[in-house]
Amino acid sequence: ETSLEKLIKESSKEKQQWLREGIF
């Protein structure tokens, strides 16, 4: 799960929400 967490953390705030949306 750290690969998903890493992807989120390494992204801008705006992009984080969109990444979360796709993962969700």
PDBML (XML) file of the C-alpha atoms, coordinates in Angstrom:
<?xml version="1.0" encoding="UTF-8" ?>
<PDBx:datablock datablockName="MODEL"
   xmlns:PDBx="http://pdbml.pdb.org/schema/pdbx-v50.xsd"
   xmlns:xsi="http://www.w3.org/2001/XMLSchema-instance"
   xsi:schemaLocation="http://pdbml.pdb.org/schema/pdbx-v50.xsd pdbx-v50.xsd">
   <PDBx:atom_siteCategory>
      <PDBx:atom_site id="1">
         <PDBx:B_iso_or_equiv>0.00</PDBx:B_iso_or_equiv>
         <PDBx:Cartn_x>0.000</PDBx:Cartn_x>
         <PDBx:Cartn_y>0.000</PDBx:Cartn_y>
         <PDBx:Cartn_z>0.000</PDBx:Cartn_z>
         <PDBx:auth_asym_id>A</PDBx:auth_asym_id>
         <PDBx:auth_atom_id>CA</PDBx:auth_atom_id>
         <PDBx:auth_comp_id>GLU</PDBx:auth_comp_id>
         <PDBx:auth_seq_id>1</PDBx:auth_seq_id>
         <PDBx:group_PDB>ATOM</PDBx:group_PDB>
         <PDBx:label_alt_id xsi:nil="true" />
         <PDBx:label_asym_id>A</PDBx:label_asym_id>
         <PDBx:label_atom_id>CA</PDBx:label_atom_id>
         <PDBx:label_comp_id>GLU</PDBx:label_comp_id>
         <PDBx:label_entity_id>1</PDBx:label_entity_id>
         <PDBx:label_seq_id>1</PDBx:label_seq_id>
         <PDBx:occupancy>1.00</PDBx:occupancy>
         <PDBx:pdbx_PDB_model_num>1</PDBx:pdbx_PDB_model_num>
         <PDBx:type_symbol>C</PDBx:type_symbol>
      </PDBx:atom_site>
      <PDBx:atom_site id="2">
         <PDBx:B_iso_or_equiv>0.00</PDBx:B_iso_or_equiv>
         <PDBx:Cartn_x>3.033</PDBx:Cartn_x>
         <PDBx:Cartn_y>2.237</PDBx:Cartn_y>
         <PDBx:Cartn_z>0.439</PDBx:Cartn_z>
         <PDBx:auth_asym_id>A</PDBx:auth_asym_id>
         <PDBx:auth_atom_id>CA</PDBx:auth_atom_id>
         <PDBx:auth_comp_id>THR</PDBx:auth_comp_id>
         <PDBx:auth_seq_id>2</PDBx:auth_seq_id>
         <PDBx:group_PDB>ATOM</PDBx:group_PDB>
         <PDBx:label_alt_id xsi:nil="true" />
         <PDBx:label_asym_id>A</PDBx:label_asym_id>
         <PDBx:label_atom_id>CA</PDBx:label_atom_id>
         <PDBx:label_comp_id>THR</PDBx:label_comp_id>
         <PDBx:label_entity_id>1</PDBx:label_entity_id>
         <PDBx:label_seq_id>2</PDBx:label_seq_id>
         <PDBx:occupancy>1.00</PDBx:occupancy>
         <PDBx:pdbx_PDB_model_num>1</PDBx:pdbx_PDB_model_num>
         <PDBx:type_symbol>C</PDBx:type_symbol>
      </PDBx:atom_site>
      <PDBx:atom_site id="3">
         <PDBx:B_iso_or_equiv>0.00</PDBx:B_iso_or_equiv>
         <PDBx:Cartn_x>3.282</PDBx:Cartn_x>
         <PDBx:Cartn_y>2.491</PDBx:Cartn_y>
         <PDBx:Cartn_z>-3.358</PDBx:Cartn_z>
         <PDBx:auth_asym_id>A</PDBx:auth_asym_id>
         <PDBx:auth_atom_id>CA</PDBx:auth_atom_id>
         <PDBx:auth_comp_id>SER</PDBx:auth_comp_id>
         <PDBx:auth_seq_id>3</PDBx:auth_seq_id>
         <PDBx:group_PDB>ATOM</PDBx:group_PDB>
         <PDBx:label_alt_id xsi:nil="true" />
         <PDBx:label_asym_id>A</PDBx:label_asym_id>
         <PDBx:label_atom_id>CA</PDBx:label_atom_id>
         <PDBx:label_comp_id>SER</PDBx:label_comp_id>
         <PDBx:label_entity_id>1</PDBx:label_entity_id>
         <PDBx:label_seq_id>3</PDBx:label_seq_id>
         <PDBx:occupancy>1.00</PDBx:occupancy>
         <PDBx:pdbx_PDB_model_num>1</PDBx:pdbx_PDB_model_num>
         <PDBx:type_symbol>C</PDBx:type_symbol>
      </PDBx:atom_site>
      <PDBx:atom_site id="4">
         <PDBx:B_iso_or_equiv>0.00</PDBx:B_iso_or_equiv>
         <PDBx:Cartn_x>-0.143</PDBx:Cartn_x>
         <PDBx:Cartn_y>4.171</PDBx:Cartn_y>
         <PDBx:Cartn_z>-3.379</PDBx:Cartn_z>
         <PDBx:auth_asym_id>A</PDBx:auth_asym_id>
         <PDBx:auth_atom_id>CA</PDBx:auth_atom_id>
         <PDBx:auth_comp_id>LEU</PDBx:auth_comp_id>
         <PDBx:auth_seq_id>4</PDBx:auth_seq_id>
         <PDBx:group_PDB>ATOM</PDBx:group_PDB>
         <PDBx:label_alt_id xsi:nil="true" />
         <PDBx:label_asym_id>A</PDBx:label_asym_id>
         <PDBx:label_atom_id>CA</PDBx:label_atom_id>
         <PDBx:label_comp_id>LEU</PDBx:label_comp_id>
         <PDBx:label_entity_id>1</PDBx:label_entity_id>
         <PDBx:label_seq_id>4</PDBx:label_seq_id>
         <PDBx:occupancy>1.00</PDBx:occupancy>
         <PDBx:pdbx_PDB_model_num>1</PDBx:pdbx_PDB_model_num>
         <PDBx:type_symbol>C</PDBx:type_symbol>
      </PDBx:atom_site>
      <PDBx:atom_site id="5">
         <PDBx:B_iso_or_equiv>0.00</PDBx:B_iso_or_equiv>
         <PDBx:Cartn_x>0.738</PDBx:Cartn_x>
         <PDBx:Cartn_y>6.316</PDBx:Cartn_y>
         <PDBx:Cartn_z>-0.404</PDBx:Cartn_z>
         <PDBx:auth_asym_id>A</PDBx:auth_asym_id>
         <PDBx:auth_atom_id>CA</PDBx:auth_atom_id>
         <PDBx:auth_comp_id>GLU</PDBx:auth_comp_id>
         <PDBx:auth_seq_id>5</PDBx:auth_seq_id>
         <PDBx:group_PDB>ATOM</PDBx:group_PDB>
         <PDBx:label_alt_id xsi:nil="true" />
         <PDBx:label_asym_id>A</PDBx:label_asym_id>
         <PDBx:label_atom_id>CA</PDBx:label_atom_id>
         <PDBx:label_comp_id>GLU</PDBx:label_comp_id>
         <PDBx:label_entity_id>1</PDBx:label_entity_id>
         <PDBx:label_seq_id>5</PDBx:label_seq_id>
         <PDBx:occupancy>1.00</PDBx:occupancy>
         <PDBx:pdbx_PDB_model_num>1</PDBx:pdbx_PDB_model_num>
         <PDBx:type_symbol>C</PDBx:type_symbol>
      </PDBx:atom_site>
      <PDBx:atom_site id="6">
         <PDBx:B_iso_or_equiv>0.00</PDBx:B_iso_or_equiv>
         <PDBx:Cartn_x>4.022</PDBx:Cartn_x>
         <PDBx:Cartn_y>7.343</PDBx:Cartn_y>
         <PDBx:Cartn_z>-2.045</PDBx:Cartn_z>
         <PDBx:auth_asym_id>A</PDBx:auth_asym_id>
         <PDBx:auth_atom_id>CA</PDBx:auth_atom_id>
         <PDBx:auth_comp_id>LYS</PDBx:auth_comp_id>
         <PDBx:auth_seq_id>6</PDBx:auth_seq_id>
         <PDBx:group_PDB>ATOM</PDBx:group_PDB>
         <PDBx:label_alt_id xsi:nil="true" />
         <PDBx:label_asym_id>A</PDBx:label_asym_id>
         <PDBx:label_atom_id>CA</PDBx:label_atom_id>
         <PDBx:label_comp_id>LYS</PDBx:label_comp_id>
         <PDBx:label_entity_id>1</PDBx:label_entity_id>
         <PDBx:label_seq_id>6</PDBx:label_seq_id>
         <PDBx:occupancy>1.00</PDBx:occupancy>
         <PDBx:pdbx_PDB_model_num>1</PDBx:pdbx_PDB_model_num>
         <PDBx:type_symbol>C</PDBx:type_symbol>
      </PDBx:atom_site>
      <PDBx:atom_site id="7">
         <PDBx:B_iso_or_equiv>0.00</PDBx:B_iso_or_equiv>
         <PDBx:Cartn_x>2.214</PDBx:Cartn_x>
         <PDBx:Cartn_y>8.292</PDBx:Cartn_y>
         <PDBx:Cartn_z>-5.255</PDBx:Cartn_z>
         <PDBx:auth_asym_id>A</PDBx:auth_asym_id>
         <PDBx:auth_atom_id>CA</PDBx:auth_atom_id>
         <PDBx:auth_comp_id>LEU</PDBx:auth_comp_id>
         <PDBx:auth_seq_id>7</PDBx:auth_seq_id>
         <PDBx:group_PDB>ATOM</PDBx:group_PDB>
         <PDBx:label_alt_id xsi:nil="true" />
         <PDBx:label_asym_id>A</PDBx:label_asym_id>
         <PDBx:label_atom_id>CA</PDBx:label_atom_id>
         <PDBx:label_comp_id>LEU</PDBx:label_comp_id>
         <PDBx:label_entity_id>1</PDBx:label_entity_id>
         <PDBx:label_seq_id>7</PDBx:label_seq_id>
         <PDBx:occupancy>1.00</PDBx:occupancy>
         <PDBx:pdbx_PDB_model_num>1</PDBx:pdbx_PDB_model_num>
         <PDBx:type_symbol>C</PDBx:type_symbol>
      </PDBx:atom_site>
      <PDBx:atom_site id="8">
         <PDBx:B_iso_or_equiv>0.00</PDBx:B_iso_or_equiv>
         <PDBx:Cartn_x>-0.140</PDBx:Cartn_x>
         <PDBx:Cartn_y>10.546</PDBx:Cartn_y>
         <PDBx:Cartn_z>-3.289</PDBx:Cartn_z>
         <PDBx:auth_asym_id>A</PDBx:auth_asym_id>
         <PDBx:auth_atom_id>CA</PDBx:auth_atom_id>
         <PDBx:auth_comp_id>ILE</PDBx:auth_comp_id>
         <PDBx:auth_seq_id>8</PDBx:auth_seq_id>
         <PDBx:group_PDB>ATOM</PDBx:group_PDB>
         <PDBx:label_alt_id xsi:nil="true" />
         <PDBx:label_asym_id>A</PDBx:label_asym_id>
         <PDBx:label_atom_id>CA</PDBx:label_atom_id>
         <PDBx:label_comp_id>ILE</PDBx:label_comp_id>
         <PDBx:label_entity_id>1</PDBx:label_entity_id>
         <PDBx:label_seq_id>8</PDBx:label_seq_id>
         <PDBx:occupancy>1.00</PDBx:occupancy>
         <PDBx:pdbx_PDB_model_num>1</PDBx:pdbx_PDB_model_num>
         <PDBx:type_symbol>C</PDBx:type_symbol>
      </PDBx:atom_site>
      <PDBx:atom_site id="9">
         <PDBx:B_iso_or_equiv>0.00</PDBx:B_iso_or_equiv>
         <PDBx:Cartn_x>2.574</PDBx:Cartn_x>
         <PDBx:Cartn_y>12.148</PDBx:Cartn_y>
         <PDBx:Cartn_z>-1.148</PDBx:Cartn_z>
         <PDBx:auth_asym_id>A</PDBx:auth_asym_id>
         <PDBx:auth_atom_id>CA</PDBx:auth_atom_id>
         <PDBx:auth_comp_id>LYS</PDBx:auth_comp_id>
         <PDBx:auth_seq_id>9</PDBx:auth_seq_id>
         <PDBx:group_PDB>ATOM</PDBx:group_PDB>
         <PDBx:label_alt_id xsi:nil="true" />
         <PDBx:label_asym_id>A</PDBx:label_asym_id>
         <PDBx:label_atom_id>CA</PDBx:label_atom_id>
         <PDBx:label_comp_id>LYS</PDBx:label_comp_id>
         <PDBx:label_entity_id>1</PDBx:label_entity_id>
         <PDBx:label_seq_id>9</PDBx:label_seq_id>
         <PDBx:occupancy>1.00</PDBx:occupancy>
         <PDBx:pdbx_PDB_model_num>1</PDBx:pdbx_PDB_model_num>
         <PDBx:type_symbol>C</PDBx:type_symbol>
      </PDBx:atom_site>
      <PDBx:atom_site id="10">
         <PDBx:B_iso_or_equiv>0.00</PDBx:B_iso_or_equiv>
         <PDBx:Cartn_x>4.835</PDBx:Cartn_x>
         <PDBx:Cartn_y>12.937</PDBx:Cartn_y>
         <PDBx:Cartn_z>-4.114</PDBx:Cartn_z>
         <PDBx:auth_asym_id>A</PDBx:auth_asym_id>
         <PDBx:auth_atom_id>CA</PDBx:auth_atom_id>
         <PDBx:auth_comp_id>GLU</PDBx:auth_comp_id>
         <PDBx:auth_seq_id>10</PDBx:auth_seq_id>
         <PDBx:group_PDB>ATOM</PDBx:group_PDB>
         <PDBx:label_alt_id xsi:nil="true" />
         <PDBx:label_asym_id>A</PDBx:label_asym_id>
         <PDBx:label_atom_id>CA</PDBx:label_atom_id>
         <PDBx:label_comp_id>GLU</PDBx:label_comp_id>
         <PDBx:label_entity_id>1</PDBx:label_entity_id>
         <PDBx:label_seq_id>10</PDBx:label_seq_id>
         <PDBx:occupancy>1.00</PDBx:occupancy>
         <PDBx:pdbx_PDB_model_num>1</PDBx:pdbx_PDB_model_num>
         <PDBx:type_symbol>C</PDBx:type_symbol>
      </PDBx:atom_site>
      <PDBx:atom_site id="11">
         <PDBx:B_iso_or_equiv>0.00</PDBx:B_iso_or_equiv>
         <PDBx:Cartn_x>2.082</PDBx:Cartn_x>
         <PDBx:Cartn_y>14.830</PDBx:Cartn_y>
         <PDBx:Cartn_z>-5.947</PDBx:Cartn_z>
         <PDBx:auth_asym_id>A</PDBx:auth_asym_id>
         <PDBx:auth_atom_id>CA</PDBx:auth_atom_id>
         <PDBx:auth_comp_id>SER</PDBx:auth_comp_id>
         <PDBx:auth_seq_id>11</PDBx:auth_seq_id>
         <PDBx:group_PDB>ATOM</PDBx:group_PDB>
         <PDBx:label_alt_id xsi:nil="true" />
         <PDBx:label_asym_id>A</PDBx:label_asym_id>
         <PDBx:label_atom_id>CA</PDBx:label_atom_id>
         <PDBx:label_comp_id>SER</PDBx:label_comp_id>
         <PDBx:label_entity_id>1</PDBx:label_entity_id>
         <PDBx:label_seq_id>11</PDBx:label_seq_id>
         <PDBx:occupancy>1.00</PDBx:occupancy>
         <PDBx:pdbx_PDB_model_num>1</PDBx:pdbx_PDB_model_num>
         <PDBx:type_symbol>C</PDBx:type_symbol>
      </PDBx:atom_site>
      <PDBx:atom_site id="12">
         <PDBx:B_iso_or_equiv>0.00</PDBx:B_iso_or_equiv>
         <PDBx:Cartn_x>0.806</PDBx:Cartn_x>
         <PDBx:Cartn_y>18.381</PDBx:Cartn_y>
         <PDBx:Cartn_z>-5.685</PDBx:Cartn_z>
         <PDBx:auth_asym_id>A</PDBx:auth_asym_id>
         <PDBx:auth_atom_id>CA</PDBx:auth_atom_id>
         <PDBx:auth_comp_id>SER</PDBx:auth_comp_id>
         <PDBx:auth_seq_id>12</PDBx:auth_seq_id>
         <PDBx:group_PDB>ATOM</PDBx:group_PDB>
         <PDBx:label_alt_id xsi:nil="true" />
         <PDBx:label_asym_id>A</PDBx:label_asym_id>
         <PDBx:label_atom_id>CA</PDBx:label_atom_id>
         <PDBx:label_comp_id>SER</PDBx:label_comp_id>
         <PDBx:label_entity_id>1</PDBx:label_entity_id>
         <PDBx:label_seq_id>12</PDBx:label_seq_id>
         <PDBx:occupancy>1.00</PDBx:occupancy>
         <PDBx:pdbx_PDB_model_num>1</PDBx:pdbx_PDB_model_num>
         <PDBx:type_symbol>C</PDBx:type_symbol>
      </PDBx:atom_site>
      <PDBx:atom_site id="13">
         <PDBx:B_iso_or_equiv>0.00</PDBx:B_iso_or_equiv>
         <PDBx:Cartn_x>-2.218</PDBx:Cartn_x>
         <PDBx:Cartn_y>19.034</PDBx:Cartn_y>
         <PDBx:Cartn_z>-3.447</PDBx:Cartn_z>
         <PDBx:auth_asym_id>A</PDBx:auth_asym_id>
         <PDBx:auth_atom_id>CA</PDBx:auth_atom_id>
         <PDBx:auth_comp_id>LYS</PDBx:auth_comp_id>
         <PDBx:auth_seq_id>13</PDBx:auth_seq_id>
         <PDBx:group_PDB>ATOM</PDBx:group_PDB>
         <PDBx:label_alt_id xsi:nil="true" />
         <PDBx:label_asym_id>A</PDBx:label_asym_id>
         <PDBx:label_atom_id>CA</PDBx:label_atom_id>
         <PDBx:label_comp_id>LYS</PDBx:label_comp_id>
         <PDBx:label_entity_id>1</PDBx:label_entity_id>
         <PDBx:label_seq_id>13</PDBx:label_seq_id>
         <PDBx:occupancy>1.00</PDBx:occupancy>
         <PDBx:pdbx_PDB_model_num>1</PDBx:pdbx_PDB_model_num>
         <PDBx:type_symbol>C</PDBx:type_symbol>
      </PDBx:atom_site>
      <PDBx:atom_site id="14">
         <PDBx:B_iso_or_equiv>0.00</PDBx:B_iso_or_equiv>
         <PDBx:Cartn_x>-4.481</PDBx:Cartn_x>
         <PDBx:Cartn_y>19.494</PDBx:Cartn_y>
         <PDBx:Cartn_z>-6.455</PDBx:Cartn_z>
         <PDBx:auth_asym_id>A</PDBx:auth_asym_id>
         <PDBx:auth_atom_id>CA</PDBx:auth_atom_id>
         <PDBx:auth_comp_id>GLU</PDBx:auth_comp_id>
         <PDBx:auth_seq_id>14</PDBx:auth_seq_id>
         <PDBx:group_PDB>ATOM</PDBx:group_PDB>
         <PDBx:label_alt_id xsi:nil="true" />
         <PDBx:label_asym_id>A</PDBx:label_asym_id>
         <PDBx:label_atom_id>CA</PDBx:label_atom_id>
         <PDBx:label_comp_id>GLU</PDBx:label_comp_id>
         <PDBx:label_entity_id>1</PDBx:label_entity_id>
         <PDBx:label_seq_id>14</PDBx:label_seq_id>
         <PDBx:occupancy>1.00</PDBx:occupancy>
         <PDBx:pdbx_PDB_model_num>1</PDBx:pdbx_PDB_model_num>
         <PDBx:type_symbol>C</PDBx:type_symbol>
      </PDBx:atom_site>
      <PDBx:atom_site id="15">
         <PDBx:B_iso_or_equiv>0.00</PDBx:B_iso_or_equiv>
         <PDBx:Cartn_x>-3.293</PDBx:Cartn_x>
         <PDBx:Cartn_y>16.304</PDBx:Cartn_y>
         <PDBx:Cartn_z>-8.120</PDBx:Cartn_z>
         <PDBx:auth_asym_id>A</PDBx:auth_asym_id>
         <PDBx:auth_atom_id>CA</PDBx:auth_atom_id>
         <PDBx:auth_comp_id>LYS</PDBx:auth_comp_id>
         <PDBx:auth_seq_id>15</PDBx:auth_seq_id>
         <PDBx:group_PDB>ATOM</PDBx:group_PDB>
         <PDBx:label_alt_id xsi:nil="true" />
         <PDBx:label_asym_id>A</PDBx:label_asym_id>
         <PDBx:label_atom_id>CA</PDBx:label_atom_id>
         <PDBx:label_comp_id>LYS</PDBx:label_comp_id>
         <PDBx:label_entity_id>1</PDBx:label_entity_id>
         <PDBx:label_seq_id>15</PDBx:label_seq_id>
         <PDBx:occupancy>1.00</PDBx:occupancy>
         <PDBx:pdbx_PDB_model_num>1</PDBx:pdbx_PDB_model_num>
         <PDBx:type_symbol>C</PDBx:type_symbol>
      </PDBx:atom_site>
      <PDBx:atom_site id="16">
         <PDBx:B_iso_or_equiv>0.00</PDBx:B_iso_or_equiv>
         <PDBx:Cartn_x>-3.580</PDBx:Cartn_x>
         <PDBx:Cartn_y>14.298</PDBx:Cartn_y>
         <PDBx:Cartn_z>-4.888</PDBx:Cartn_z>
         <PDBx:auth_asym_id>A</PDBx:auth_asym_id>
         <PDBx:auth_atom_id>CA</PDBx:auth_atom_id>
         <PDBx:auth_comp_id>GLN</PDBx:auth_comp_id>
         <PDBx:auth_seq_id>16</PDBx:auth_seq_id>
         <PDBx:group_PDB>ATOM</PDBx:group_PDB>
         <PDBx:label_alt_id xsi:nil="true" />
         <PDBx:label_asym_id>A</PDBx:label_asym_id>
         <PDBx:label_atom_id>CA</PDBx:label_atom_id>
         <PDBx:label_comp_id>GLN</PDBx:label_comp_id>
         <PDBx:label_entity_id>1</PDBx:label_entity_id>
         <PDBx:label_seq_id>16</PDBx:label_seq_id>
         <PDBx:occupancy>1.00</PDBx:occupancy>
         <PDBx:pdbx_PDB_model_num>1</PDBx:pdbx_PDB_model_num>
         <PDBx:type_symbol>C</PDBx:type_symbol>
      </PDBx:atom_site>
      <PDBx:atom_site id="17">
         <PDBx:B_iso_or_equiv>0.00</PDBx:B_iso_or_equiv>
         <PDBx:Cartn_x>-7.368</PDBx:Cartn_x>
         <PDBx:Cartn_y>14.531</PDBx:Cartn_y>
         <PDBx:Cartn_z>-4.883</PDBx:Cartn_z>
         <PDBx:auth_asym_id>A</PDBx:auth_asym_id>
         <PDBx:auth_atom_id>CA</PDBx:auth_atom_id>
         <PDBx:auth_comp_id>GLN</PDBx:auth_comp_id>
         <PDBx:auth_seq_id>17</PDBx:auth_seq_id>
         <PDBx:group_PDB>ATOM</PDBx:group_PDB>
         <PDBx:label_alt_id xsi:nil="true" />
         <PDBx:label_asym_id>A</PDBx:label_asym_id>
         <PDBx:label_atom_id>CA</PDBx:label_atom_id>
         <PDBx:label_comp_id>GLN</PDBx:label_comp_id>
         <PDBx:label_entity_id>1</PDBx:label_entity_id>
         <PDBx:label_seq_id>17</PDBx:label_seq_id>
         <PDBx:occupancy>1.00</PDBx:occupancy>
         <PDBx:pdbx_PDB_model_num>1</PDBx:pdbx_PDB_model_num>
         <PDBx:type_symbol>C</PDBx:type_symbol>
      </PDBx:atom_site>
      <PDBx:atom_site id="18">
         <PDBx:B_iso_or_equiv>0.00</PDBx:B_iso_or_equiv>
         <PDBx:Cartn_x>-7.592</PDBx:Cartn_x>
         <PDBx:Cartn_y>13.401</PDBx:Cartn_y>
         <PDBx:Cartn_z>-8.499</PDBx:Cartn_z>
         <PDBx:auth_asym_id>A</PDBx:auth_asym_id>
         <PDBx:auth_atom_id>CA</PDBx:auth_atom_id>
         <PDBx:auth_comp_id>TRP</PDBx:auth_comp_id>
         <PDBx:auth_seq_id>18</PDBx:auth_seq_id>
         <PDBx:group_PDB>ATOM</PDBx:group_PDB>
         <PDBx:label_alt_id xsi:nil="true" />
         <PDBx:label_asym_id>A</PDBx:label_asym_id>
         <PDBx:label_atom_id>CA</PDBx:label_atom_id>
         <PDBx:label_comp_id>TRP</PDBx:label_comp_id>
         <PDBx:label_entity_id>1</PDBx:label_entity_id>
         <PDBx:label_seq_id>18</PDBx:label_seq_id>
         <PDBx:occupancy>1.00</PDBx:occupancy>
         <PDBx:pdbx_PDB_model_num>1</PDBx:pdbx_PDB_model_num>
         <PDBx:type_symbol>C</PDBx:type_symbol>
      </PDBx:atom_site>
      <PDBx:atom_site id="19">
         <PDBx:B_iso_or_equiv>0.00</PDBx:B_iso_or_equiv>
         <PDBx:Cartn_x>-5.230</PDBx:Cartn_x>
         <PDBx:Cartn_y>10.482</PDBx:Cartn_y>
         <PDBx:Cartn_z>-7.849</PDBx:Cartn_z>
         <PDBx:auth_asym_id>A</PDBx:auth_asym_id>
         <PDBx:auth_atom_id>CA</PDBx:auth_atom_id>
         <PDBx:auth_comp_id>LEU</PDBx:auth_comp_id>
         <PDBx:auth_seq_id>19</PDBx:auth_seq_id>
         <PDBx:group_PDB>ATOM</PDBx:group_PDB>
         <PDBx:label_alt_id xsi:nil="true" />
         <PDBx:label_asym_id>A</PDBx:label_asym_id>
         <PDBx:label_atom_id>CA</PDBx:label_atom_id>
         <PDBx:label_comp_id>LEU</PDBx:label_comp_id>
         <PDBx:label_entity_id>1</PDBx:label_entity_id>
         <PDBx:label_seq_id>19</PDBx:label_seq_id>
         <PDBx:occupancy>1.00</PDBx:occupancy>
         <PDBx:pdbx_PDB_model_num>1</PDBx:pdbx_PDB_model_num>
         <PDBx:type_symbol>C</PDBx:type_symbol>
      </PDBx:atom_site>
      <PDBx:atom_site id="20">
         <PDBx:B_iso_or_equiv>0.00</PDBx:B_iso_or_equiv>
         <PDBx:Cartn_x>-7.335</PDBx:Cartn_x>
         <PDBx:Cartn_y>9.514</PDBx:Cartn_y>
         <PDBx:Cartn_z>-4.828</PDBx:Cartn_z>
         <PDBx:auth_asym_id>A</PDBx:auth_asym_id>
         <PDBx:auth_atom_id>CA</PDBx:auth_atom_id>
         <PDBx:auth_comp_id>ARG</PDBx:auth_comp_id>
         <PDBx:auth_seq_id>20</PDBx:auth_seq_id>
         <PDBx:group_PDB>ATOM</PDBx:group_PDB>
         <PDBx:label_alt_id xsi:nil="true" />
         <PDBx:label_asym_id>A</PDBx:label_asym_id>
         <PDBx:label_atom_id>CA</PDBx:label_atom_id>
         <PDBx:label_comp_id>ARG</PDBx:label_comp_id>
         <PDBx:label_entity_id>1</PDBx:label_entity_id>
         <PDBx:label_seq_id>20</PDBx:label_seq_id>
         <PDBx:occupancy>1.00</PDBx:occupancy>
         <PDBx:pdbx_PDB_model_num>1</PDBx:pdbx_PDB_model_num>
         <PDBx:type_symbol>C</PDBx:type_symbol>
      </PDBx:atom_site>
      <PDBx:atom_site id="21">
         <PDBx:B_iso_or_equiv>0.00</PDBx:B_iso_or_equiv>
         <PDBx:Cartn_x>-10.428</PDBx:Cartn_x>
         <PDBx:Cartn_y>9.634</PDBx:Cartn_y>
         <PDBx:Cartn_z>-7.040</PDBx:Cartn_z>
         <PDBx:auth_asym_id>A</PDBx:auth_asym_id>
         <PDBx:auth_atom_id>CA</PDBx:auth_atom_id>
         <PDBx:auth_comp_id>GLU</PDBx:auth_comp_id>
         <PDBx:auth_seq_id>21</PDBx:auth_seq_id>
         <PDBx:group_PDB>ATOM</PDBx:group_PDB>
         <PDBx:label_alt_id xsi:nil="true" />
         <PDBx:label_asym_id>A</PDBx:label_asym_id>
         <PDBx:label_atom_id>CA</PDBx:label_atom_id>
         <PDBx:label_comp_id>GLU</PDBx:label_comp_id>
         <PDBx:label_entity_id>1</PDBx:label_entity_id>
         <PDBx:label_seq_id>21</PDBx:label_seq_id>
         <PDBx:occupancy>1.00</PDBx:occupancy>
         <PDBx:pdbx_PDB_model_num>1</PDBx:pdbx_PDB_model_num>
         <PDBx:type_symbol>C</PDBx:type_symbol>
      </PDBx:atom_site>
      <PDBx:atom_site id="22">
         <PDBx:B_iso_or_equiv>0.00</PDBx:B_iso_or_equiv>
         <PDBx:Cartn_x>-8.913</PDBx:Cartn_x>
         <PDBx:Cartn_y>7.219</PDBx:Cartn_y>
         <PDBx:Cartn_z>-9.557</PDBx:Cartn_z>
         <PDBx:auth_asym_id>A</PDBx:auth_asym_id>
         <PDBx:auth_atom_id>CA</PDBx:auth_atom_id>
         <PDBx:auth_comp_id>GLY</PDBx:auth_comp_id>
         <PDBx:auth_seq_id>22</PDBx:auth_seq_id>
         <PDBx:group_PDB>ATOM</PDBx:group_PDB>
         <PDBx:label_alt_id xsi:nil="true" />
         <PDBx:label_asym_id>A</PDBx:label_asym_id>
         <PDBx:label_atom_id>CA</PDBx:label_atom_id>
         <PDBx:label_comp_id>GLY</PDBx:label_comp_id>
         <PDBx:label_entity_id>1</PDBx:label_entity_id>
         <PDBx:label_seq_id>22</PDBx:label_seq_id>
         <PDBx:occupancy>1.00</PDBx:occupancy>
         <PDBx:pdbx_PDB_model_num>1</PDBx:pdbx_PDB_model_num>
         <PDBx:type_symbol>C</PDBx:type_symbol>
      </PDBx:atom_site>
      <PDBx:atom_site id="23">
         <PDBx:B_iso_or_equiv>0.00</PDBx:B_iso_or_equiv>
         <PDBx:Cartn_x>-7.592</PDBx:Cartn_x>
         <PDBx:Cartn_y>4.864</PDBx:Cartn_y>
         <PDBx:Cartn_z>-6.870</PDBx:Cartn_z>
         <PDBx:auth_asym_id>A</PDBx:auth_asym_id>
         <PDBx:auth_atom_id>CA</PDBx:auth_atom_id>
         <PDBx:auth_comp_id>ILE</PDBx:auth_comp_id>
         <PDBx:auth_seq_id>23</PDBx:auth_seq_id>
         <PDBx:group_PDB>ATOM</PDBx:group_PDB>
         <PDBx:label_alt_id xsi:nil="true" />
         <PDBx:label_asym_id>A</PDBx:label_asym_id>
         <PDBx:label_atom_id>CA</PDBx:label_atom_id>
         <PDBx:label_comp_id>ILE</PDBx:label_comp_id>
         <PDBx:label_entity_id>1</PDBx:label_entity_id>
         <PDBx:label_seq_id>23</PDBx:label_seq_id>
         <PDBx:occupancy>1.00</PDBx:occupancy>
         <PDBx:pdbx_PDB_model_num>1</PDBx:pdbx_PDB_model_num>
         <PDBx:type_symbol>C</PDBx:type_symbol>
      </PDBx:atom_site>
      <PDBx:atom_site id="24">
         <PDBx:B_iso_or_equiv>0.00</PDBx:B_iso_or_equiv>
         <PDBx:Cartn_x>-10.903</PDBx:Cartn_x>
         <PDBx:Cartn_y>5.007</PDBx:Cartn_y>
         <PDBx:Cartn_z>-5.003</PDBx:Cartn_z>
         <PDBx:auth_asym_id>A</PDBx:auth_asym_id>
         <PDBx:auth_atom_id>CA</PDBx:auth_atom_id>
         <PDBx:auth_comp_id>PHE</PDBx:auth_comp_id>
         <PDBx:auth_seq_id>24</PDBx:auth_seq_id>
         <PDBx:group_PDB>ATOM</PDBx:group_PDB>
         <PDBx:label_alt_id xsi:nil="true" />
         <PDBx:label_asym_id>A</PDBx:label_asym_id>
         <PDBx:label_atom_id>CA</PDBx:label_atom_id>
         <PDBx:label_comp_id>PHE</PDBx:label_comp_id>
         <PDBx:label_entity_id>1</PDBx:label_entity_id>
         <PDBx:label_seq_id>24</PDBx:label_seq_id>
         <PDBx:occupancy>1.00</PDBx:occupancy>
         <PDBx:pdbx_PDB_model_num>1</PDBx:pdbx_PDB_model_num>
         <PDBx:type_symbol>C</PDBx:type_symbol>
      </PDBx:atom_site>
   </PDBx:atom_siteCategory>
</PDBx:datablock>
